[in-house]
Amino acid sequence: MKLYRATYTLRSGARGVLHVIAACSCDAIVAAIDAFGDALRTCSARPH
């Protein structure tokens, strides 16, 4: 498990960073999808 920084943009135009502990970047993006649901427009994850 590593700490990932998921950078996201919502449909409203709001942007932010979500810090996630996950096994891989795919799991970090899934966590962002779980957190924001349909409001999420884009997301990328990188190790912190």
C-alpha atoms as a PDB file:
ATOM      1  CA  MET A   1       0.000   0.000   0.000  1.00  0.00           C
ATOM      2  CA  LYS A   2       1.237   3.442  -0.981  1.00  0.00           C
ATOM      3  CA  LEU A   3       0.039   6.984  -0.651  1.00  0.00           C
ATOM      4  CA  TYR A   4      -1.313   8.348  -3.946  1.00  0.00           C
ATOM      5  CA  ARG A   5      -2.262  11.865  -4.892  1.00  0.00           C
ATOM      6  CA  ALA A   6      -5.388  11.835  -7.064  1.00  0.00           C
ATOM      7  CA  THR A   7      -5.908  15.121  -8.893  1.00  0.00           C
ATOM      8  CA  TYR A   8      -9.511  15.575  -9.954  1.00  0.00           C
ATOM      9  CA  THR A   9     -11.873  17.929 -11.750  1.00  0.00           C
ATOM     10  CA  LEU A  10     -15.590  17.935 -11.069  1.00  0.00           C
ATOM     11  CA  ARG A  11     -18.338  18.710 -13.587  1.00  0.00           C
ATOM     12  CA  SER A  12     -18.919  22.009 -11.778  1.00  0.00           C
ATOM     13  CA  GLY A  13     -15.349  23.053 -12.635  1.00  0.00           C
ATOM     14  CA  ALA A  14     -14.011  22.638  -9.109  1.00  0.00           C
ATOM     15  CA  ARG A  15     -10.552  21.098  -8.876  1.00  0.00           C
ATOM     16  CA  GLY A  16      -8.711  19.483  -6.034  1.00  0.00           C
ATOM     17  CA  VAL A  17      -6.419  16.789  -4.722  1.00  0.00           C
ATOM     18  CA  LEU A  18      -7.468  13.656  -2.877  1.00  0.00           C
ATOM     19  CA  HIS A  19      -4.817  11.785  -0.864  1.00  0.00           C
ATOM     20  CA  VAL A  20      -5.520   8.053  -0.959  1.00  0.00           C
ATOM     21  CA  ILE A  21      -3.787   5.006   0.475  1.00  0.00           C
ATOM     22  CA  ALA A  22      -4.114   2.311  -2.185  1.00  0.00           C
ATOM     23  CA  ALA A  23      -2.376  -0.712  -3.677  1.00  0.00           C
ATOM     24  CA  CYS A  24      -2.082   0.856  -7.147  1.00  0.00           C
ATOM     25  CA  SER A  25      -3.085   3.980  -9.060  1.00  0.00           C
ATOM     26  CA  CYS A  26      -6.207   2.232 -10.396  1.00  0.00           C
ATOM     27  CA  ASP A  27      -7.447   1.692  -6.843  1.00  0.00           C
ATOM     28  CA  ALA A  28      -6.800   5.355  -6.054  1.00  0.00           C
ATOM     29  CA  ILE A  29      -8.940   6.411  -9.023  1.00  0.00           C
ATOM     30  CA  VAL A  30     -11.694   4.013  -7.958  1.00  0.00           C
ATOM     31  CA  ALA A  31     -11.626   5.674  -4.530  1.00  0.00           C
ATOM     32  CA  ALA A  32     -12.135   9.071  -6.213  1.00  0.00           C
ATOM     33  CA  ILE A  33     -15.044   7.655  -8.215  1.00  0.00           C
ATOM     34  CA  ASP A  34     -16.551   6.302  -4.993  1.00  0.00           C
ATOM     35  CA  ALA A  35     -16.110   9.683  -3.293  1.00  0.00           C
ATOM     36  CA  PHE A  36     -17.530  11.900  -6.053  1.00  0.00           C
ATOM     37  CA  GLY A  37     -19.689   9.605  -8.199  1.00  0.00           C
ATOM     38  CA  ASP A  38     -21.250  11.216 -11.278  1.00  0.00           C
ATOM     39  CA  ALA A  39     -19.837  14.631 -10.354  1.00  0.00           C
ATOM     40  CA  LEU A  40     -16.320  13.486 -11.314  1.00  0.00           C
ATOM     41  CA  ARG A  41     -15.202  14.568 -14.791  1.00  0.00           C
ATOM     42  CA  THR A  42     -11.444  13.749 -14.833  1.00  0.00           C
ATOM     43  CA  CYS A  43      -9.017  12.119 -12.435  1.00  0.00           C
ATOM     44  CA  SER A  44      -5.368  11.089 -12.460  1.00  0.00           C
ATOM     45  CA  ALA A  45      -3.336   9.412  -9.735  1.00  0.00           C
ATOM     46  CA  ARG A  46       0.396   9.430  -9.002  1.00  0.00           C
ATOM     47  CA  PRO A  47       2.470   8.137  -6.095  1.00  0.00           C
ATOM     48  CA  HIS A  48       3.027  10.842  -3.510  1.00  0.00           C
END
